[in-house]
PDB file of all heavy atoms in Angstrom:
ATOM      1  N   ASN A   1       0.851  -1.169   0.000  1.00  0.00           N
ATOM      2  CA  ASN A   1       0.000   0.000   0.000  1.00  0.00           C
ATOM      3  C   ASN A   1       0.897   1.233   0.000  1.00  0.00           C
ATOM      4  O   ASN A   1       1.760   1.376   0.868  1.00  0.00           O
ATOM      5  CB  ASN A   1      -0.887  -0.031   1.249  1.00  0.00           C
ATOM      6  CG  ASN A   1      -1.724   1.214   1.395  1.00  0.00           C
ATOM      7  OD1 ASN A   1      -1.218   2.331   1.319  1.00  0.00           O
ATOM      8  ND2 ASN A   1      -3.011   1.022   1.620  1.00  0.00           N
ATOM      9  N   PRO A   2       0.735   2.137  -0.963  1.00  0.00           N
ATOM     10  CA  PRO A   2       1.654   3.276  -1.075  1.00  0.00           C
ATOM     11  C   PRO A   2       1.716   4.164   0.168  1.00  0.00           C
ATOM     12  O   PRO A   2       2.765   4.707   0.487  1.00  0.00           O
ATOM     13  CB  PRO A   2       1.109   4.054  -2.276  1.00  0.00           C
ATOM     14  CG  PRO A   2       0.308   3.078  -3.042  1.00  0.00           C
ATOM     15  CD  PRO A   2      -0.233   2.094  -2.057  1.00  0.00           C
ATOM     16  N   VAL A   3       0.613   4.325   0.870  1.00  0.00           N
ATOM     17  CA  VAL A   3       0.625   5.162   2.070  1.00  0.00           C
ATOM     18  C   VAL A   3       1.445   4.488   3.169  1.00  0.00           C
ATOM     19  O   VAL A   3       2.280   5.127   3.821  1.00  0.00           O
ATOM     20  CB  VAL A   3      -0.814   5.463   2.549  1.00  0.00           C
ATOM     21  CG1 VAL A   3      -0.808   6.206   3.871  1.00  0.00           C
ATOM     22  CG2 VAL A   3      -1.565   6.257   1.479  1.00  0.00           C
ATOM     23  N   ASP A   4       1.257   3.190   3.364  1.00  0.00           N
ATOM     24  CA  ASP A   4       2.057   2.450   4.356  1.00  0.00           C
ATOM     25  C   ASP A   4       3.537   2.467   3.975  1.00  0.00           C
ATOM     26  O   ASP A   4       4.407   2.600   4.828  1.00  0.00           O
ATOM     27  CB  ASP A   4       1.580   1.005   4.463  1.00  0.00           C
ATOM     28  CG  ASP A   4       0.180   0.884   5.033  1.00  0.00           C
ATOM     29  OD1 ASP A   4      -0.268   1.837   5.717  1.00  0.00           O
ATOM     30  OD2 ASP A   4      -0.463  -0.148   4.778  1.00  0.00           O
ATOM     31  N   ARG A   5       3.809   2.321   2.685  1.00  0.00           N
ATOM     32  CA  ARG A   5       5.187   2.326   2.216  1.00  0.00           C
ATOM     33  C   ARG A   5       5.837   3.687   2.459  1.00  0.00           C
ATOM     34  O   ARG A   5       6.976   3.776   2.909  1.00  0.00           O
ATOM     35  CB  ARG A   5       5.228   1.988   0.719  1.00  0.00           C
ATOM     36  CG  ARG A   5       6.614   1.611   0.240  1.00  0.00           C
ATOM     37  CD  ARG A   5       6.722   1.666  -1.264  1.00  0.00           C
ATOM     38  NE  ARG A   5       6.726   3.007  -1.790  1.00  0.00           N
ATOM     39  CZ  ARG A   5       7.746   3.870  -1.655  1.00  0.00           C
ATOM     40  NH1 ARG A   5       8.839   3.528  -1.034  1.00  0.00           N
ATOM     41  NH2 ARG A   5       7.668   5.075  -2.159  1.00  0.00           N
ATOM     42  N   LEU A   6       5.128   4.751   2.188  1.00  0.00           N
ATOM     43  CA  LEU A   6       5.639   6.103   2.414  1.00  0.00           C
ATOM     44  C   LEU A   6       5.967   6.324   3.889  1.00  0.00           C
ATOM     45  O   LEU A   6       7.022   6.852   4.229  1.00  0.00           O
ATOM     46  CB  LEU A   6       4.619   7.143   1.932  1.00  0.00           C
ATOM     47  CG  LEU A   6       4.971   8.602   2.209  1.00  0.00           C
ATOM     48  CD1 LEU A   6       6.202   9.010   1.417  1.00  0.00           C
ATOM     49  CD2 LEU A   6       3.789   9.488   1.878  1.00  0.00           C
ATOM     50  N   TRP A   7       5.084   5.897   4.751  1.00  0.00           N
ATOM     51  CA  TRP A   7       5.288   6.045   6.196  1.00  0.00           C
ATOM     52  C   TRP A   7       6.544   5.283   6.633  1.00  0.00           C
ATOM     53  O   TRP A   7       7.403   5.817   7.339  1.00  0.00           O
ATOM     54  CB  TRP A   7       4.042   5.546   6.920  1.00  0.00           C
ATOM     55  CG  TRP A   7       4.058   5.720   8.393  1.00  0.00           C
ATOM     56  CD1 TRP A   7       4.135   4.719   9.320  1.00  0.00           C
ATOM     57  CD2 TRP A   7       3.988   6.939   9.137  1.00  0.00           C
ATOM     58  NE1 TRP A   7       4.115   5.242  10.595  1.00  0.00           N
ATOM     59  CE2 TRP A   7       4.030   6.615  10.504  1.00  0.00           C
ATOM     60  CE3 TRP A   7       3.910   8.282   8.776  1.00  0.00           C
ATOM     61  CZ2 TRP A   7       3.989   7.568  11.507  1.00  0.00           C
ATOM     62  CZ3 TRP A   7       3.867   9.226   9.783  1.00  0.00           C
ATOM     63  CH2 TRP A   7       3.909   8.878  11.128  1.00  0.00           C
ATOM     64  N   SER A   8       6.690   4.067   6.176  1.00  0.00           N
ATOM     65  CA  SER A   8       7.858   3.248   6.512  1.00  0.00           C
ATOM     66  C   SER A   8       9.141   3.869   5.967  1.00  0.00           C
ATOM     67  O   SER A   8      10.172   3.908   6.638  1.00  0.00           O
ATOM     68  CB  SER A   8       7.677   1.835   5.962  1.00  0.00           C
ATOM     69  OG  SER A   8       8.796   1.039   6.230  1.00  0.00           O
ATOM     70  N   HIS A   9       9.065   4.358   4.746  1.00  0.00           N
ATOM     71  CA  HIS A   9      10.235   4.972   4.110  1.00  0.00           C
ATOM     72  C   HIS A   9      10.654   6.244   4.862  1.00  0.00           C
ATOM     73  O   HIS A   9      11.854   6.483   5.074  1.00  0.00           O
ATOM     74  CB  HIS A   9       9.930   5.301   2.646  1.00  0.00           C
ATOM     75  CG  HIS A   9      11.135   5.596   1.835  1.00  0.00           C
ATOM     76  ND1 HIS A   9      11.812   4.631   1.144  1.00  0.00           N
ATOM     77  CD2 HIS A   9      11.798   6.747   1.617  1.00  0.00           C
ATOM     78  CE1 HIS A   9      12.846   5.177   0.531  1.00  0.00           C
ATOM     79  NE2 HIS A   9      12.861   6.468   0.802  1.00  0.00           N
ATOM     80  N   TYR A  10       9.679   7.016   5.270  1.00  0.00           N
ATOM     81  CA  TYR A  10       9.981   8.236   6.035  1.00  0.00           C
ATOM     82  C   TYR A  10      10.740   7.882   7.306  1.00  0.00           C
ATOM     83  O   TYR A  10      11.776   8.493   7.613  1.00  0.00           O
ATOM     84  CB  TYR A  10       8.682   8.996   6.379  1.00  0.00           C
ATOM     85  CG  TYR A  10       8.918  10.091   7.388  1.00  0.00           C
ATOM     86  CD1 TYR A  10       9.484  11.298   7.002  1.00  0.00           C
ATOM     87  CD2 TYR A  10       8.606   9.909   8.731  1.00  0.00           C
ATOM     88  CE1 TYR A  10       9.727  12.306   7.929  1.00  0.00           C
ATOM     89  CE2 TYR A  10       8.844  10.900   9.666  1.00  0.00           C
ATOM     90  CZ  TYR A  10       9.403  12.093   9.260  1.00  0.00           C
ATOM     91  OH  TYR A  10       9.648  13.080  10.183  1.00  0.00           O
ATOM     92  N   TRP A  11      10.266   6.900   8.051  1.00  0.00           N
ATOM     93  CA  TRP A  11      10.923   6.542   9.314  1.00  0.00           C
ATOM     94  C   TRP A  11      12.318   5.974   9.083  1.00  0.00           C
ATOM     95  O   TRP A  11      13.229   6.200   9.880  1.00  0.00           O
ATOM     96  CB  TRP A  11      10.055   5.594  10.131  1.00  0.00           C
ATOM     97  CG  TRP A  11       8.942   6.363  10.780  1.00  0.00           C
ATOM     98  CD1 TRP A  11       7.633   6.397  10.402  1.00  0.00           C
ATOM     99  CD2 TRP A  11       9.069   7.275  11.880  1.00  0.00           C
ATOM    100  NE1 TRP A  11       6.937   7.267  11.202  1.00  0.00           N
ATOM    101  CE2 TRP A  11       7.793   7.818  12.132  1.00  0.00           C
ATOM    102  CE3 TRP A  11      10.137   7.691  12.673  1.00  0.00           C
ATOM    103  CZ2 TRP A  11       7.552   8.735  13.144  1.00  0.00           C
ATOM    104  CZ3 TRP A  11       9.894   8.611  13.697  1.00  0.00           C
ATOM    105  CH2 TRP A  11       8.615   9.123  13.918  1.00  0.00           C
ATOM    106  N   MET A  12      12.539   5.255   7.994  1.00  0.00           N
ATOM    107  CA  MET A  12      13.873   4.758   7.673  1.00  0.00           C
ATOM    108  C   MET A  12      14.813   5.931   7.371  1.00  0.00           C
ATOM    109  O   MET A  12      15.949   5.969   7.847  1.00  0.00           O
ATOM    110  CB  MET A  12      13.830   3.812   6.470  1.00  0.00           C
ATOM    111  CG  MET A  12      15.214   3.311   6.048  1.00  0.00           C
ATOM    112  SD  MET A  12      15.220   2.427   4.471  1.00  0.00           S
ATOM    113  CE  MET A  12      14.999   3.780   3.319  1.00  0.00           C
ATOM    114  N   MET A  13      14.352   6.885   6.587  1.00  0.00           N
ATOM    115  CA  MET A  13      15.175   8.039   6.241  1.00  0.00           C
ATOM    116  C   MET A  13      15.495   8.874   7.486  1.00  0.00           C
ATOM    117  O   MET A  13      16.614   9.370   7.631  1.00  0.00           O
ATOM    118  CB  MET A  13      14.473   8.903   5.189  1.00  0.00           C
ATOM    119  CG  MET A  13      14.210   8.180   3.876  1.00  0.00           C
ATOM    120  SD  MET A  13      15.719   7.690   3.046  1.00  0.00           S
ATOM    121  CE  MET A  13      16.121   9.211   2.256  1.00  0.00           C
ATOM    122  N   LEU A  14      14.539   9.012   8.379  1.00  0.00           N
ATOM    123  CA  LEU A  14      14.757   9.736   9.632  1.00  0.00           C
ATOM    124  C   LEU A  14      15.791   9.001  10.483  1.00  0.00           C
ATOM    125  O   LEU A  14      16.753   9.594  10.970  1.00  0.00           O
ATOM    126  CB  LEU A  14      13.423   9.872  10.378  1.00  0.00           C
ATOM    127  CG  LEU A  14      13.374  10.831  11.541  1.00  0.00           C
ATOM    128  CD1 LEU A  14      13.468  12.265  11.046  1.00  0.00           C
ATOM    129  CD2 LEU A  14      12.080  10.628  12.328  1.00  0.00           C
ATOM    130  N   ARG A  15      15.623   7.686  10.607  1.00  0.00           N
ATOM    131  CA  ARG A  15      16.546   6.852  11.387  1.00  0.00           C
ATOM    132  C   ARG A  15      17.967   6.930  10.856  1.00  0.00           C
ATOM    133  O   ARG A  15      18.928   7.025  11.615  1.00  0.00           O
ATOM    134  CB  ARG A  15      16.055   5.393  11.354  1.00  0.00           C
ATOM    135  CG  ARG A  15      16.982   4.405  12.055  1.00  0.00           C
ATOM    136  CD  ARG A  15      16.724   2.970  11.611  1.00  0.00           C
ATOM    137  NE  ARG A  15      17.171   2.814  10.228  1.00  0.00           N
ATOM    138  CZ  ARG A  15      16.710   1.890   9.405  1.00  0.00           C
ATOM    139  NH1 ARG A  15      15.774   1.050   9.783  1.00  0.00           N
ATOM    140  NH2 ARG A  15      17.185   1.803   8.174  1.00  0.00           N
ATOM    141  N   ASP A  16      18.115   6.932   9.526  1.00  0.00           N
ATOM    142  CA  ASP A  16      19.436   6.904   8.904  1.00  0.00           C
ATOM    143  C   ASP A  16      20.057   8.292   8.739  1.00  0.00           C
ATOM    144  O   ASP A  16      21.162   8.417   8.210  1.00  0.00           O
ATOM    145  CB  ASP A  16      19.369   6.198   7.543  1.00  0.00           C
ATOM    146  CG  ASP A  16      19.053   4.718   7.674  1.00  0.00           C
ATOM    147  OD1 ASP A  16      19.119   4.178   8.799  1.00  0.00           O
ATOM    148  OD2 ASP A  16      18.728   4.090   6.648  1.00  0.00           O
ATOM    149  N   GLY A  17      19.356   9.325   9.203  1.00  0.00           N
ATOM    150  CA  GLY A  17      19.909  10.673   9.179  1.00  0.00           C
ATOM    151  C   GLY A  17      19.768  11.413   7.862  1.00  0.00           C
ATOM    152  O   GLY A  17      20.394  12.452   7.674  1.00  0.00           O
ATOM    153  N   TYR A  18      18.938  10.900   6.942  1.00  0.00           N
ATOM    154  CA  TYR A  18      18.753  11.564   5.654  1.00  0.00           C
ATOM    155  C   TYR A  18      17.549  12.500   5.657  1.00  0.00           C
ATOM    156  O   TYR A  18      17.327  13.216   4.695  1.00  0.00           O
ATOM    157  CB  TYR A  18      18.587  10.544   4.530  1.00  0.00           C
ATOM    158  CG  TYR A  18      19.820   9.719   4.297  1.00  0.00           C
ATOM    159  CD1 TYR A  18      19.812   8.349   4.493  1.00  0.00           C
ATOM    160  CD2 TYR A  18      21.003  10.318   3.878  1.00  0.00           C
ATOM    161  CE1 TYR A  18      20.950   7.594   4.275  1.00  0.00           C
ATOM    162  CE2 TYR A  18      22.143   9.568   3.661  1.00  0.00           C
ATOM    163  CZ  TYR A  18      22.101   8.208   3.858  1.00  0.00           C
ATOM    164  OH  TYR A  18      23.222   7.470   3.649  1.00  0.00           O
ATOM    165  N   GLU A  19      16.773  12.453   6.706  1.00  0.00           N
ATOM    166  CA  GLU A  19      15.587  13.303   6.814  1.00  0.00           C
ATOM    167  C   GLU A  19      15.594  13.971   8.177  1.00  0.00           C
ATOM    168  O   GLU A  19      15.919  13.328   9.180  1.00  0.00           O
ATOM    169  CB  GLU A  19      14.315  12.456   6.650  1.00  0.00           C
ATOM    170  CG  GLU A  19      13.026  13.246   6.689  1.00  0.00           C
ATOM    171  CD  GLU A  19      12.955  14.272   5.571  1.00  0.00           C
ATOM    172  OE1 GLU A  19      12.670  13.878   4.429  1.00  0.00           O
ATOM    173  OE2 GLU A  19      13.190  15.474   5.841  1.00  0.00           O
ATOM    174  N   ASN A  20      15.252  15.266   8.200  1.00  0.00           N
ATOM    175  CA  ASN A  20      15.162  15.949   9.484  1.00  0.00           C
ATOM    176  C   ASN A  20      13.878  16.766   9.597  1.00  0.00           C
ATOM    177  O   ASN A  20      13.677  17.472  10.562  1.00  0.00           O
ATOM    178  CB  ASN A  20      16.393  16.846   9.721  1.00  0.00           C
ATOM    179  CG  ASN A  20      16.574  17.867   8.609  1.00  0.00           C
ATOM    180  OD1 ASN A  20      15.721  18.028   7.752  1.00  0.00           O
ATOM    181  ND2 ASN A  20      17.703  18.547   8.631  1.00  0.00           N
ATOM    182  N   ARG A  21      13.036  16.654   8.607  1.00  0.00           N
ATOM    183  CA  ARG A  21      11.765  17.381   8.619  1.00  0.00           C
ATOM    184  C   ARG A  21      10.674  16.536   9.266  1.00  0.00           C
ATOM    185  O   ARG A  21      10.781  15.318   9.324  1.00  0.00           O
ATOM    186  CB  ARG A  21      11.333  17.728   7.195  1.00  0.00           C
ATOM    187  CG  ARG A  21      12.323  18.591   6.449  1.00  0.00           C
ATOM    188  CD  ARG A  21      11.867  18.754   5.013  1.00  0.00           C
ATOM    189  NE  ARG A  21      12.867  19.423   4.223  1.00  0.00           N
ATOM    190  CZ  ARG A  21      12.603  20.414   3.398  1.00  0.00           C
ATOM    191  NH1 ARG A  21      11.376  20.857   3.252  1.00  0.00           N
ATOM    192  NH2 ARG A  21      13.572  20.975   2.719  1.00  0.00           N
ATOM    193  N   SER A  22       9.614  17.201   9.681  1.00  0.00           N
ATOM    194  CA  SER A  22       8.447  16.472  10.172  1.00  0.00           C
ATOM    195  C   SER A  22       7.843  15.696   9.007  1.00  0.00           C
ATOM    196  O   SER A  22       8.092  16.020   7.831  1.00  0.00           O
ATOM    197  CB  SER A  22       7.412  17.439  10.749  1.00  0.00           C
ATOM    198  OG  SER A  22       6.830  18.200   9.689  1.00  0.00           O
ATOM    199  N   PHE A  23       7.037  14.705   9.311  1.00  0.00           N
ATOM    200  CA  PHE A  23       6.395  13.913   8.258  1.00  0.00           C
ATOM    201  C   PHE A  23       5.566  14.816   7.345  1.00  0.00           C
ATOM    202  O   PHE A  23       5.654  14.724   6.117  1.00  0.00           O
ATOM    203  CB  PHE A  23       5.515  12.810   8.866  1.00  0.00           C
ATOM    204  CG  PHE A  23       4.841  11.960   7.832  1.00  0.00           C
ATOM    205  CD1 PHE A  23       5.524  10.938   7.194  1.00  0.00           C
ATOM    206  CD2 PHE A  23       3.518  12.188   7.475  1.00  0.00           C
ATOM    207  CE1 PHE A  23       4.911  10.158   6.227  1.00  0.00           C
ATOM    208  CE2 PHE A  23       2.893  11.416   6.511  1.00  0.00           C
ATOM    209  CZ  PHE A  23       3.597  10.394   5.892  1.00  0.00           C
ATOM    210  N   ASP A  24       4.778  15.706   7.942  1.00  0.00           N
ATOM    211  CA  ASP A  24       3.929  16.589   7.138  1.00  0.00           C
ATOM    212  C   ASP A  24       4.755  17.482   6.218  1.00  0.00           C
ATOM    213  O   ASP A  24       4.401  17.681   5.052  1.00  0.00           O
ATOM    214  CB  ASP A  24       3.036  17.446   8.045  1.00  0.00           C
ATOM    215  CG  ASP A  24       1.930  16.634   8.708  1.00  0.00           C
ATOM    216  OD1 ASP A  24       1.601  15.539   8.195  1.00  0.00           O
ATOM    217  OD2 ASP A  24       1.403  17.091   9.737  1.00  0.00           O
ATOM    218  N   ASP A  25       5.845  18.018   6.731  1.00  0.00           N
ATOM    219  CA  ASP A  25       6.691  18.883   5.911  1.00  0.00           C
ATOM    220  C   ASP A  25       7.411  18.067   4.827  1.00  0.00           C
ATOM    221  O   ASP A  25       7.482  18.480   3.671  1.00  0.00           O
ATOM    222  CB  ASP A  25       7.712  19.621   6.788  1.00  0.00           C
ATOM    223  CG  ASP A  25       8.507  20.658   6.012  1.00  0.00           C
ATOM    224  OD1 ASP A  25       7.997  21.179   4.990  1.00  0.00           O
ATOM    225  OD2 ASP A  25       9.643  20.946   6.428  1.00  0.00           O
ATOM    226  N   ALA A  26       7.954  16.912   5.204  1.00  0.00           N
ATOM    227  CA  ALA A  26       8.699  16.083   4.252  1.00  0.00           C
ATOM    228  C   ALA A  26       7.828  15.578   3.114  1.00  0.00           C
ATOM    229  O   ALA A  26       8.315  15.346   2.010  1.00  0.00           O
ATOM    230  CB  ALA A  26       9.345  14.907   4.973  1.00  0.00           C
ATOM    231  N   THR A  27       6.526  15.422   3.366  1.00  0.00           N
ATOM    232  CA  THR A  27       5.630  14.872   2.346  1.00  0.00           C
ATOM    233  C   THR A  27       4.717  15.925   1.729  1.00  0.00           C
ATOM    234  O   THR A  27       3.815  15.574   0.970  1.00  0.00           O
ATOM    235  CB  THR A  27       4.779  13.726   2.936  1.00  0.00           C
ATOM    236  OG1 THR A  27       4.006  14.237   4.033  1.00  0.00           O
ATOM    237  CG2 THR A  27       5.655  12.569   3.387  1.00  0.00           C
ATOM    238  N   SER A  28       4.983  17.179   2.020  1.00  0.00           N
ATOM    239  CA  SER A  28       4.151  18.235   1.426  1.00  0.00           C
ATOM    240  C   SER A  28       4.429  18.324  -0.078  1.00  0.00           C
ATOM    241  O   SER A  28       5.537  18.030  -0.536  1.00  0.00           O
ATOM    242  CB  SER A  28       4.450  19.583   2.084  1.00  0.00           C
ATOM    243  OG  SER A  28       5.694  20.086   1.632  1.00  0.00           O
ATOM    244  N   PRO A  29       3.446  18.729  -0.857  1.00  0.00           N
ATOM    245  CA  PRO A  29       3.660  18.870  -2.308  1.00  0.00           C
ATOM    246  C   PRO A  29       4.824  19.807  -2.646  1.00  0.00           C
ATOM    247  O   PRO A  29       5.571  19.546  -3.595  1.00  0.00           O
ATOM    248  CB  PRO A  29       2.325  19.426  -2.811  1.00  0.00           C
ATOM    249  CG  PRO A  29       1.321  18.962  -1.806  1.00  0.00           C
ATOM    250  CD  PRO A  29       2.039  18.976  -0.483  1.00  0.00           C
ATOM    251  N   GLN A  30       5.007  20.856  -1.859  1.00  0.00           N
ATOM    252  CA  GLN A  30       6.090  21.797  -2.130  1.00  0.00           C
ATOM    253  C   GLN A  30       7.455  21.135  -1.923  1.00  0.00           C
ATOM    254  O   GLN A  30       8.371  21.304  -2.736  1.00  0.00           O
ATOM    255  CB  GLN A  30       5.973  23.039  -1.218  1.00  0.00           C
ATOM    256  CG  GLN A  30       4.748  23.883  -1.460  1.00  0.00           C
ATOM    257  CD  GLN A  30       3.499  23.335  -0.759  1.00  0.00           C
ATOM    258  OE1 GLN A  30       3.552  22.416   0.063  1.00  0.00           O
ATOM    259  NE2 GLN A  30       2.354  23.897  -1.111  1.00  0.00           N
TER     260      GLN A  30
END
């Protein structure tokens, strides 16, 4: 499911230090 996959991917990127934005900011259209 793409939504579940996105959520999992976000947490992996956060864990690995490649993401530092909130989920809402990281996934915003902008």
